[in-house]
Amino acid sequence: MTPKIVSTETIYEGWSKFSRVMIQTTGKPFKREIEDHGRAVVVLPYDPERRVAILVRLLRAPVLVAAGESSLLEAPAGLIDKEDPADAARREVMEEAGIRVTELEHIATVWTMPGISTERMDYYLAPFSQADRIAKGGGVAGENEDITVEEHPLADLWSWVRSSKLPDLKTLALVFALKDRHPELFD
């Protein structure tokens, strides 16, 4: 039997939407809770000439709750606001890091947590130059992002990957992708 949704109930709707669905398969129907906050993008901006990448440090409430860590270092990321994923990627890099990116190298579109969330995320690499650093970054006023922009040598990022010191999965995947597609930047 093809699985079918028997019923859907909205449990909560705010920044995220939580639903409870009843699913029927060959056996007895069962319930699942689903988190939905929309599509998202993540971008690793890197300067191929200087061999550095831009990461952002910000509070992630789940990380604070689960591990007591007040911030997480990661590639710029955010939700898509009814726009093309590439446009959202450019917007997020500008808002969070103050960098104008024009060229985007699409890596993948993936389900981030398919056991609980409907989120699909587009992953990008984005080369930039010093001339593209045209704003301060730091996030959008009024969204409580309080973002710190950090520049790190690509060699350091690869060292963090090899020593299991890069805790954000999005960023980890993008560093692997950059190393795979542009290994010369890590020599």
N, C-alpha and C. Protein backbone atom coordinates (compact mmCIF):
# COMPACT_ATOMS: atom_id res chain seq x y z
N MET A 1 0.84 -1.19 0.00
CA MET A 1 0.00 0.00 0.00
C MET A 1 0.88 1.25 0.00
N THR A 2 0.52 2.21 -0.83
CA THR A 2 1.22 3.49 -0.84
C THR A 2 0.84 4.27 0.41
N PRO A 3 1.83 4.79 1.16
CA PRO A 3 1.50 5.57 2.35
C PRO A 3 0.61 6.76 1.99
N LYS A 4 -0.35 7.07 2.86
CA LYS A 4 -1.19 8.25 2.63
C LYS A 4 -1.41 8.98 3.93
N ILE A 5 -1.59 10.28 3.82
CA ILE A 5 -1.87 11.12 4.98
C ILE A 5 -3.36 11.06 5.25
N VAL A 6 -3.72 10.59 6.44
CA VAL A 6 -5.12 10.45 6.84
C VAL A 6 -5.65 11.76 7.40
N SER A 7 -4.82 12.45 8.21
CA SER A 7 -5.25 13.72 8.80
C SER A 7 -4.03 14.56 9.13
N THR A 8 -4.25 15.87 9.19
CA THR A 8 -3.21 16.83 9.56
C THR A 8 -3.81 17.82 10.55
N GLU A 9 -3.07 18.06 11.64
CA GLU A 9 -3.52 18.99 12.67
C GLU A 9 -2.37 19.96 12.97
N THR A 10 -2.62 21.27 12.92
CA THR A 10 -1.61 22.25 13.28
C THR A 10 -1.57 22.33 14.80
N ILE A 11 -0.40 22.09 15.37
CA ILE A 11 -0.22 22.12 16.83
C ILE A 11 0.19 23.52 17.27
N TYR A 12 1.07 24.16 16.49
CA TYR A 12 1.58 25.49 16.83
C TYR A 12 2.00 26.18 15.55
N GLU A 13 1.77 27.49 15.49
CA GLU A 13 2.23 28.27 14.35
C GLU A 13 2.83 29.57 14.85
N GLY A 14 4.11 29.77 14.58
CA GLY A 14 4.86 30.96 14.95
C GLY A 14 5.99 31.09 13.96
N TRP A 15 7.25 31.25 14.47
CA TRP A 15 8.39 31.29 13.56
C TRP A 15 8.45 29.99 12.78
N SER A 16 8.14 28.90 13.44
CA SER A 16 8.01 27.59 12.80
C SER A 16 6.56 27.15 12.94
N LYS A 17 6.20 26.19 12.12
CA LYS A 17 4.87 25.59 12.22
C LYS A 17 5.07 24.13 12.60
N PHE A 18 4.32 23.68 13.60
CA PHE A 18 4.38 22.28 14.01
C PHE A 18 3.04 21.64 13.75
N SER A 19 3.08 20.51 13.09
CA SER A 19 1.87 19.78 12.74
C SER A 19 1.97 18.35 13.25
N ARG A 20 0.83 17.74 13.42
CA ARG A 20 0.76 16.31 13.73
C ARG A 20 -0.02 15.67 12.59
N VAL A 21 0.58 14.67 11.97
CA VAL A 21 -0.09 13.98 10.88
C VAL A 21 -0.35 12.53 11.27
N MET A 22 -1.41 12.00 10.75
CA MET A 22 -1.73 10.58 10.89
C MET A 22 -1.46 9.96 9.54
N ILE A 23 -0.62 8.93 9.51
CA ILE A 23 -0.21 8.29 8.27
C ILE A 23 -0.70 6.84 8.26
N GLN A 24 -1.22 6.43 7.14
CA GLN A 24 -1.68 5.04 6.96
C GLN A 24 -0.75 4.34 5.99
N THR A 25 -0.23 3.21 6.43
CA THR A 25 0.54 2.34 5.53
C THR A 25 -0.13 0.97 5.56
N THR A 26 0.62 -0.08 5.42
CA THR A 26 0.02 -1.42 5.42
C THR A 26 -0.46 -1.84 6.81
N GLY A 27 0.12 -1.27 7.86
CA GLY A 27 -0.26 -1.62 9.23
C GLY A 27 -1.22 -0.60 9.81
N LYS A 28 -1.19 -0.53 11.11
CA LYS A 28 -2.04 0.40 11.87
C LYS A 28 -1.59 1.84 11.60
N PRO A 29 -2.52 2.79 11.49
CA PRO A 29 -2.13 4.20 11.30
C PRO A 29 -1.25 4.68 12.46
N PHE A 30 -0.33 5.60 12.16
CA PHE A 30 0.54 6.13 13.21
C PHE A 30 0.67 7.63 13.06
N LYS A 31 1.06 8.31 14.18
CA LYS A 31 1.20 9.76 14.23
C LYS A 31 2.67 10.14 14.10
N ARG A 32 2.90 11.30 13.49
CA ARG A 32 4.22 11.90 13.44
C ARG A 32 4.05 13.42 13.58
N GLU A 33 4.99 14.03 14.33
CA GLU A 33 5.03 15.49 14.43
C GLU A 33 6.03 16.00 13.41
N ILE A 34 5.69 17.13 12.79
CA ILE A 34 6.52 17.70 11.72
C ILE A 34 6.75 19.18 12.00
N GLU A 35 8.01 19.60 11.86
CA GLU A 35 8.38 21.01 11.99
C GLU A 35 8.54 21.58 10.59
N ASP A 36 7.98 22.77 10.36
CA ASP A 36 8.06 23.39 9.04
C ASP A 36 8.29 24.89 9.20
N HIS A 37 9.43 25.36 8.74
CA HIS A 37 9.68 26.81 8.74
C HIS A 37 10.09 27.30 7.35
N GLY A 38 9.99 26.43 6.37
CA GLY A 38 10.26 26.86 5.00
C GLY A 38 11.61 26.41 4.47
N ARG A 39 11.85 26.76 3.22
CA ARG A 39 13.12 26.46 2.54
C ARG A 39 14.22 27.36 3.07
N ALA A 40 15.48 26.93 2.88
CA ALA A 40 16.61 27.69 3.38
C ALA A 40 17.80 27.58 2.44
N VAL A 41 18.79 28.43 2.69
CA VAL A 41 20.04 28.44 1.93
C VAL A 41 21.21 28.56 2.89
N VAL A 42 22.37 28.09 2.45
CA VAL A 42 23.62 28.28 3.17
C VAL A 42 24.70 28.55 2.13
N VAL A 43 25.62 29.46 2.47
CA VAL A 43 26.65 29.89 1.52
C VAL A 43 28.00 29.97 2.23
N LEU A 44 29.03 29.42 1.59
CA LEU A 44 30.38 29.61 2.09
C LEU A 44 31.08 30.61 1.18
N PRO A 45 31.17 31.89 1.62
CA PRO A 45 31.91 32.88 0.83
C PRO A 45 33.41 32.68 1.06
N TYR A 46 34.16 32.63 -0.03
CA TYR A 46 35.61 32.44 0.09
C TYR A 46 36.33 33.34 -0.90
N ASP A 47 37.50 33.81 -0.47
CA ASP A 47 38.35 34.66 -1.31
C ASP A 47 39.46 33.76 -1.85
N PRO A 48 39.38 33.39 -3.14
CA PRO A 48 40.39 32.48 -3.69
C PRO A 48 41.79 33.08 -3.75
N GLU A 49 41.89 34.39 -3.82
CA GLU A 49 43.20 35.02 -3.90
C GLU A 49 43.90 34.98 -2.55
N ARG A 50 43.18 35.33 -1.50
CA ARG A 50 43.78 35.34 -0.16
C ARG A 50 43.61 34.02 0.58
N ARG A 51 42.82 33.10 -0.01
CA ARG A 51 42.58 31.77 0.56
C ARG A 51 42.02 31.83 1.97
N VAL A 52 40.93 32.59 2.08
CA VAL A 52 40.21 32.71 3.34
C VAL A 52 38.72 32.51 3.07
N ALA A 53 37.99 32.22 4.11
CA ALA A 53 36.53 32.12 4.02
C ALA A 53 35.92 32.96 5.13
N ILE A 54 34.70 33.39 4.90
CA ILE A 54 33.97 34.17 5.89
C ILE A 54 32.95 33.27 6.57
N LEU A 55 33.01 33.24 7.89
CA LEU A 55 32.02 32.55 8.70
C LEU A 55 31.39 33.57 9.64
N VAL A 56 30.25 33.21 10.17
CA VAL A 56 29.56 34.09 11.11
C VAL A 56 29.36 33.35 12.43
N ARG A 57 29.41 34.10 13.51
CA ARG A 57 29.20 33.55 14.84
C ARG A 57 27.92 34.17 15.39
N LEU A 58 27.00 33.31 15.82
CA LEU A 58 25.74 33.82 16.35
C LEU A 58 25.11 32.84 17.33
N LEU A 59 24.20 33.35 18.10
CA LEU A 59 23.45 32.54 19.05
C LEU A 59 22.50 31.64 18.29
N ARG A 60 22.49 30.37 18.65
CA ARG A 60 21.52 29.41 18.15
C ARG A 60 20.85 28.83 19.39
N ALA A 61 19.59 29.17 19.62
CA ALA A 61 18.89 28.77 20.84
C ALA A 61 18.97 27.27 21.11
N PRO A 62 18.75 26.39 20.11
CA PRO A 62 18.86 24.95 20.39
C PRO A 62 20.25 24.53 20.88
N VAL A 63 21.30 25.16 20.35
CA VAL A 63 22.66 24.84 20.78
C VAL A 63 22.87 25.30 22.22
N LEU A 64 22.33 26.46 22.56
CA LEU A 64 22.41 26.96 23.93
C LEU A 64 21.69 26.01 24.88
N VAL A 65 20.49 25.59 24.51
CA VAL A 65 19.71 24.69 25.36
C VAL A 65 20.37 23.32 25.49
N ALA A 66 20.81 22.74 24.37
CA ALA A 66 21.34 21.37 24.37
C ALA A 66 22.76 21.26 24.91
N ALA A 67 23.60 22.29 24.65
CA ALA A 67 25.01 22.17 25.01
C ALA A 67 25.53 23.31 25.87
N GLY A 68 24.71 24.32 26.13
CA GLY A 68 25.15 25.45 26.94
C GLY A 68 26.12 26.36 26.22
N GLU A 69 26.23 26.21 24.89
CA GLU A 69 27.16 27.05 24.11
C GLU A 69 26.44 28.31 23.66
N SER A 70 27.06 29.46 23.91
CA SER A 70 26.40 30.73 23.64
C SER A 70 26.44 31.16 22.18
N SER A 71 27.26 30.49 21.36
CA SER A 71 27.30 30.84 19.94
C SER A 71 27.78 29.65 19.14
N LEU A 72 27.52 29.73 17.83
CA LEU A 72 27.95 28.70 16.90
C LEU A 72 28.61 29.39 15.71
N LEU A 73 29.76 28.88 15.28
CA LEU A 73 30.46 29.40 14.11
C LEU A 73 29.97 28.61 12.90
N GLU A 74 29.47 29.33 11.88
CA GLU A 74 28.89 28.66 10.73
C GLU A 74 28.95 29.54 9.49
N ALA A 75 28.67 28.93 8.36
CA ALA A 75 28.55 29.68 7.11
C ALA A 75 27.25 30.48 7.16
N PRO A 76 27.20 31.64 6.50
CA PRO A 76 25.96 32.41 6.46
C PRO A 76 24.81 31.58 5.91
N ALA A 77 23.66 31.66 6.56
CA ALA A 77 22.51 30.86 6.18
C ALA A 77 21.22 31.57 6.57
N GLY A 78 20.15 31.18 5.94
CA GLY A 78 18.86 31.76 6.31
C GLY A 78 17.73 31.21 5.48
N LEU A 79 16.55 31.68 5.80
CA LEU A 79 15.34 31.22 5.14
C LEU A 79 15.13 31.93 3.81
N ILE A 80 14.47 31.25 2.91
CA ILE A 80 14.10 31.83 1.62
C ILE A 80 12.77 32.57 1.80
N ASP A 81 12.74 33.83 1.40
CA ASP A 81 11.54 34.66 1.53
C ASP A 81 10.81 34.78 0.19
N LYS A 82 10.18 33.71 -0.28
CA LYS A 82 9.42 33.73 -1.54
C LYS A 82 10.25 34.27 -2.70
N GLU A 83 11.50 33.82 -2.78
CA GLU A 83 12.41 34.27 -3.83
C GLU A 83 13.17 33.06 -4.35
N ASP A 84 13.89 33.26 -5.40
CA ASP A 84 14.76 32.23 -5.95
C ASP A 84 15.84 31.89 -4.92
N PRO A 85 16.21 30.61 -4.75
CA PRO A 85 17.25 30.26 -3.78
C PRO A 85 18.56 31.02 -3.98
N ALA A 86 18.98 31.23 -5.22
CA ALA A 86 20.23 31.97 -5.46
C ALA A 86 20.11 33.42 -4.99
N ASP A 87 18.96 34.04 -5.21
CA ASP A 87 18.75 35.41 -4.72
C ASP A 87 18.76 35.44 -3.20
N ALA A 88 18.15 34.45 -2.58
CA ALA A 88 18.16 34.36 -1.12
C ALA A 88 19.59 34.19 -0.60
N ALA A 89 20.39 33.38 -1.30
CA ALA A 89 21.77 33.17 -0.90
C ALA A 89 22.55 34.49 -0.94
N ARG A 90 22.38 35.24 -2.01
CA ARG A 90 23.07 36.54 -2.11
C ARG A 90 22.61 37.49 -1.01
N ARG A 91 21.32 37.50 -0.74
CA ARG A 91 20.76 38.38 0.30
C ARG A 91 21.33 38.01 1.67
N GLU A 92 21.35 36.72 1.99
CA GLU A 92 21.84 36.29 3.30
C GLU A 92 23.31 36.65 3.50
N VAL A 93 24.14 36.46 2.47
CA VAL A 93 25.56 36.81 2.60
C VAL A 93 25.72 38.32 2.82
N MET A 94 24.92 39.12 2.15
CA MET A 94 25.00 40.56 2.36
C MET A 94 24.54 40.94 3.77
N GLU A 95 23.38 40.41 4.19
CA GLU A 95 22.86 40.75 5.51
C GLU A 95 23.79 40.31 6.64
N GLU A 96 24.27 39.08 6.55
CA GLU A 96 25.05 38.53 7.66
C GLU A 96 26.53 38.89 7.61
N ALA A 97 27.12 38.93 6.41
CA ALA A 97 28.56 39.13 6.30
C ALA A 97 28.97 40.43 5.62
N GLY A 98 28.03 41.15 5.02
CA GLY A 98 28.36 42.41 4.35
C GLY A 98 29.11 42.22 3.05
N ILE A 99 28.94 41.08 2.42
CA ILE A 99 29.67 40.77 1.18
C ILE A 99 28.70 40.66 0.01
N ARG A 100 29.05 41.34 -1.07
CA ARG A 100 28.28 41.23 -2.31
C ARG A 100 28.85 40.05 -3.10
N VAL A 101 28.01 39.03 -3.31
CA VAL A 101 28.46 37.91 -4.13
C VAL A 101 27.62 37.88 -5.40
N THR A 102 28.29 37.62 -6.49
CA THR A 102 27.58 37.52 -7.77
C THR A 102 27.61 36.08 -8.27
N GLU A 103 28.78 35.47 -8.21
CA GLU A 103 28.92 34.08 -8.68
C GLU A 103 28.57 33.12 -7.55
N LEU A 104 27.72 32.17 -7.85
CA LEU A 104 27.36 31.13 -6.88
C LEU A 104 27.57 29.77 -7.53
N GLU A 105 28.20 28.87 -6.81
CA GLU A 105 28.39 27.50 -7.29
C GLU A 105 27.46 26.61 -6.46
N HIS A 106 26.41 26.13 -7.09
CA HIS A 106 25.43 25.30 -6.38
C HIS A 106 26.05 23.93 -6.11
N ILE A 107 25.99 23.50 -4.87
CA ILE A 107 26.56 22.22 -4.46
C ILE A 107 25.48 21.15 -4.40
N ALA A 108 24.37 21.47 -3.74
CA ALA A 108 23.31 20.47 -3.57
C ALA A 108 22.07 21.13 -2.99
N THR A 109 20.94 20.43 -3.14
CA THR A 109 19.72 20.76 -2.44
C THR A 109 19.37 19.52 -1.64
N VAL A 110 19.35 19.66 -0.31
CA VAL A 110 19.22 18.48 0.56
C VAL A 110 18.13 18.66 1.61
N TRP A 111 17.60 17.53 2.07
CA TRP A 111 16.72 17.51 3.24
C TRP A 111 17.66 17.58 4.45
N THR A 112 17.47 18.55 5.34
CA THR A 112 18.40 18.72 6.45
C THR A 112 18.12 17.78 7.62
N MET A 113 16.86 17.54 7.94
CA MET A 113 16.49 16.64 9.03
C MET A 113 15.18 15.94 8.66
N PRO A 114 15.21 15.02 7.70
CA PRO A 114 13.98 14.45 7.15
C PRO A 114 13.14 13.65 8.14
N GLY A 115 13.68 13.33 9.29
CA GLY A 115 12.89 12.61 10.28
C GLY A 115 11.94 13.48 11.05
N ILE A 116 12.14 14.82 11.01
CA ILE A 116 11.31 15.72 11.81
C ILE A 116 10.91 17.00 11.07
N SER A 117 11.68 17.40 10.05
CA SER A 117 11.48 18.71 9.44
C SER A 117 11.25 18.62 7.93
N THR A 118 10.48 19.58 7.40
CA THR A 118 10.27 19.69 5.96
C THR A 118 11.35 20.53 5.29
N GLU A 119 12.32 21.04 6.07
CA GLU A 119 13.33 21.94 5.52
C GLU A 119 14.17 21.28 4.43
N ARG A 120 14.24 21.97 3.29
CA ARG A 120 15.19 21.65 2.23
C ARG A 120 16.11 22.85 2.12
N MET A 121 17.40 22.58 2.00
CA MET A 121 18.38 23.66 1.99
C MET A 121 19.25 23.56 0.75
N ASP A 122 19.45 24.72 0.11
CA ASP A 122 20.36 24.82 -1.03
C ASP A 122 21.73 25.25 -0.51
N TYR A 123 22.77 24.49 -0.88
CA TYR A 123 24.15 24.74 -0.48
C TYR A 123 24.90 25.38 -1.63
N TYR A 124 25.65 26.45 -1.31
CA TYR A 124 26.41 27.19 -2.32
C TYR A 124 27.82 27.51 -1.84
N LEU A 125 28.74 27.56 -2.79
CA LEU A 125 30.06 28.17 -2.61
C LEU A 125 30.01 29.49 -3.36
N ALA A 126 30.67 30.52 -2.80
CA ALA A 126 30.61 31.84 -3.44
C ALA A 126 31.96 32.55 -3.35
N PRO A 127 32.69 32.61 -4.46
CA PRO A 127 33.95 33.36 -4.44
C PRO A 127 33.67 34.86 -4.34
N PHE A 128 34.58 35.56 -3.67
CA PHE A 128 34.47 37.01 -3.56
C PHE A 128 35.88 37.59 -3.50
N SER A 129 35.97 38.91 -3.61
CA SER A 129 37.25 39.59 -3.47
C SER A 129 37.10 40.67 -2.40
N GLN A 130 38.20 41.28 -2.03
CA GLN A 130 38.17 42.35 -1.03
C GLN A 130 37.23 43.48 -1.46
N ALA A 131 37.15 43.74 -2.76
CA ALA A 131 36.27 44.81 -3.26
C ALA A 131 34.79 44.49 -3.02
N ASP A 132 34.46 43.24 -2.80
CA ASP A 132 33.07 42.84 -2.56
C ASP A 132 32.63 43.00 -1.11
N ARG A 133 33.54 43.32 -0.23
CA ARG A 133 33.19 43.56 1.18
C ARG A 133 32.72 45.00 1.29
N ILE A 134 31.42 45.20 1.08
CA ILE A 134 30.89 46.56 0.95
C ILE A 134 30.05 47.02 2.14
N ALA A 135 29.80 46.16 3.10
CA ALA A 135 29.00 46.53 4.26
C ALA A 135 29.56 45.83 5.49
N LYS A 136 29.03 46.19 6.63
CA LYS A 136 29.50 45.64 7.91
C LYS A 136 29.00 44.23 8.15
N GLY A 137 27.80 43.92 7.69
CA GLY A 137 27.18 42.64 8.02
C GLY A 137 26.61 42.70 9.42
N GLY A 138 26.45 41.56 10.03
CA GLY A 138 25.94 41.52 11.41
C GLY A 138 24.49 41.14 11.54
N GLY A 139 23.79 41.00 10.41
CA GLY A 139 22.39 40.60 10.46
C GLY A 139 21.44 41.77 10.31
N VAL A 140 20.16 41.45 10.31
CA VAL A 140 19.12 42.45 10.12
C VAL A 140 18.72 43.03 11.48
N ALA A 141 18.70 44.35 11.58
CA ALA A 141 18.27 44.99 12.82
C ALA A 141 16.85 44.54 13.13
N GLY A 142 16.60 44.24 14.38
CA GLY A 142 15.27 43.82 14.80
C GLY A 142 15.04 42.32 14.77
N GLU A 143 16.01 41.55 14.27
CA GLU A 143 15.86 40.09 14.23
C GLU A 143 16.67 39.40 15.32
N ASN A 144 17.29 40.20 16.22
CA ASN A 144 18.06 39.66 17.34
C ASN A 144 19.15 38.68 16.92
N GLU A 145 19.78 38.95 15.78
CA GLU A 145 20.81 38.03 15.29
C GLU A 145 22.16 38.28 15.96
N ASP A 146 22.54 39.54 16.15
CA ASP A 146 23.80 39.88 16.83
C ASP A 146 24.96 39.05 16.29
N ILE A 147 25.16 39.13 14.98
CA ILE A 147 26.14 38.30 14.28
C ILE A 147 27.52 38.94 14.29
N THR A 148 28.53 38.14 14.57
CA THR A 148 29.92 38.55 14.46
C THR A 148 30.49 37.90 13.20
N VAL A 149 31.10 38.71 12.35
CA VAL A 149 31.69 38.22 11.10
C VAL A 149 33.16 37.87 11.37
N GLU A 150 33.57 36.67 10.94
CA GLU A 150 34.94 36.22 11.15
C GLU A 150 35.53 35.73 9.83
N GLU A 151 36.80 36.05 9.64
CA GLU A 151 37.54 35.57 8.47
C GLU A 151 38.54 34.53 8.93
N HIS A 152 38.56 33.38 8.25
CA HIS A 152 39.46 32.29 8.64
C HIS A 152 40.19 31.75 7.42
N PRO A 153 41.49 31.47 7.56
CA PRO A 153 42.24 30.83 6.46
C PRO A 153 41.63 29.46 6.13
N LEU A 154 41.58 29.14 4.84
CA LEU A 154 41.03 27.85 4.42
C LEU A 154 41.82 26.70 5.03
N ALA A 155 43.11 26.87 5.20
CA ALA A 155 43.93 25.82 5.82
C ALA A 155 43.46 25.54 7.25
N ASP A 156 43.08 26.58 7.97
CA ASP A 156 42.56 26.39 9.33
C ASP A 156 41.23 25.64 9.30
N LEU A 157 40.36 26.01 8.36
CA LEU A 157 39.07 25.31 8.27
C LEU A 157 39.28 23.83 8.00
N TRP A 158 40.22 23.51 7.11
CA TRP A 158 40.47 22.11 6.80
C TRP A 158 41.07 21.39 8.02
N SER A 159 41.90 22.08 8.75
CA SER A 159 42.47 21.51 9.98
C SER A 159 41.35 21.22 10.99
N TRP A 160 40.38 22.13 11.09
CA TRP A 160 39.24 21.92 12.00
C TRP A 160 38.42 20.71 11.56
N VAL A 161 38.25 20.56 10.25
CA VAL A 161 37.51 19.40 9.73
C VAL A 161 38.24 18.12 10.13
N ARG A 162 39.53 18.08 9.88
CA ARG A 162 40.32 16.86 10.14
C ARG A 162 40.41 16.53 11.63
N SER A 163 40.29 17.54 12.49
CA SER A 163 40.39 17.29 13.94
C SER A 163 39.02 17.31 14.63
N SER A 164 37.95 17.24 13.84
CA SER A 164 36.57 17.21 14.37
C SER A 164 36.24 18.42 15.23
N LYS A 165 36.70 19.60 14.82
CA LYS A 165 36.45 20.82 15.59
C LYS A 165 35.55 21.80 14.85
N LEU A 166 34.85 21.33 13.83
CA LEU A 166 33.91 22.18 13.11
C LEU A 166 32.52 21.57 13.35
N PRO A 167 31.77 22.10 14.33
CA PRO A 167 30.56 21.43 14.79
C PRO A 167 29.29 21.65 13.97
N ASP A 168 29.32 22.55 13.01
CA ASP A 168 28.11 22.84 12.22
C ASP A 168 28.11 22.00 10.95
N LEU A 169 27.08 21.18 10.76
CA LEU A 169 27.03 20.26 9.62
C LEU A 169 27.00 20.99 8.28
N LYS A 170 26.27 22.10 8.19
CA LYS A 170 26.20 22.85 6.92
C LYS A 170 27.59 23.31 6.51
N THR A 171 28.30 23.88 7.46
CA THR A 171 29.63 24.41 7.19
C THR A 171 30.61 23.29 6.87
N LEU A 172 30.52 22.20 7.61
CA LEU A 172 31.36 21.04 7.36
C LEU A 172 31.20 20.55 5.93
N ALA A 173 29.96 20.41 5.49
CA ALA A 173 29.69 19.93 4.13
C ALA A 173 30.26 20.90 3.09
N LEU A 174 30.13 22.20 3.34
CA LEU A 174 30.63 23.18 2.36
C LEU A 174 32.16 23.22 2.32
N VAL A 175 32.82 23.03 3.46
CA VAL A 175 34.28 22.97 3.44
C VAL A 175 34.74 21.74 2.67
N PHE A 176 34.07 20.60 2.88
CA PHE A 176 34.39 19.39 2.09
C PHE A 176 34.18 19.67 0.60
N ALA A 177 33.10 20.33 0.26
CA ALA A 177 32.81 20.62 -1.15
C ALA A 177 33.86 21.55 -1.74
N LEU A 178 34.25 22.57 -1.00
CA LEU A 178 35.28 23.49 -1.49
C LEU A 178 36.60 22.75 -1.69
N LYS A 179 36.97 21.92 -0.75
CA LYS A 179 38.22 21.14 -0.86
C LYS A 179 38.15 20.19 -2.05
N ASP A 180 37.00 19.59 -2.30
CA ASP A 180 36.83 18.66 -3.41
C ASP A 180 36.87 19.38 -4.76
N ARG A 181 36.18 20.49 -4.86
CA ARG A 181 36.07 21.19 -6.15
C ARG A 181 37.22 22.13 -6.45
N HIS A 182 37.87 22.64 -5.41
CA HIS A 182 38.97 23.60 -5.59
C HIS A 182 40.13 23.25 -4.67
N PRO A 183 40.73 22.06 -4.83
CA PRO A 183 41.79 21.63 -3.91
C PRO A 183 43.02 22.54 -3.91
N GLU A 184 43.23 23.22 -5.01
CA GLU A 184 44.40 24.10 -5.11
C GLU A 184 44.37 25.23 -4.07
N LEU A 185 43.18 25.56 -3.58
CA LEU A 185 43.07 26.63 -2.58
C LEU A 185 43.58 26.22 -1.21
N PHE A 186 43.82 24.93 -1.03
CA PHE A 186 44.25 24.42 0.27
C PHE A 186 45.73 24.05 0.29
N ASP A 187 46.44 24.28 -0.84
CA ASP A 187 47.88 23.95 -0.90
C ASP A 187 48.69 24.93 -0.07
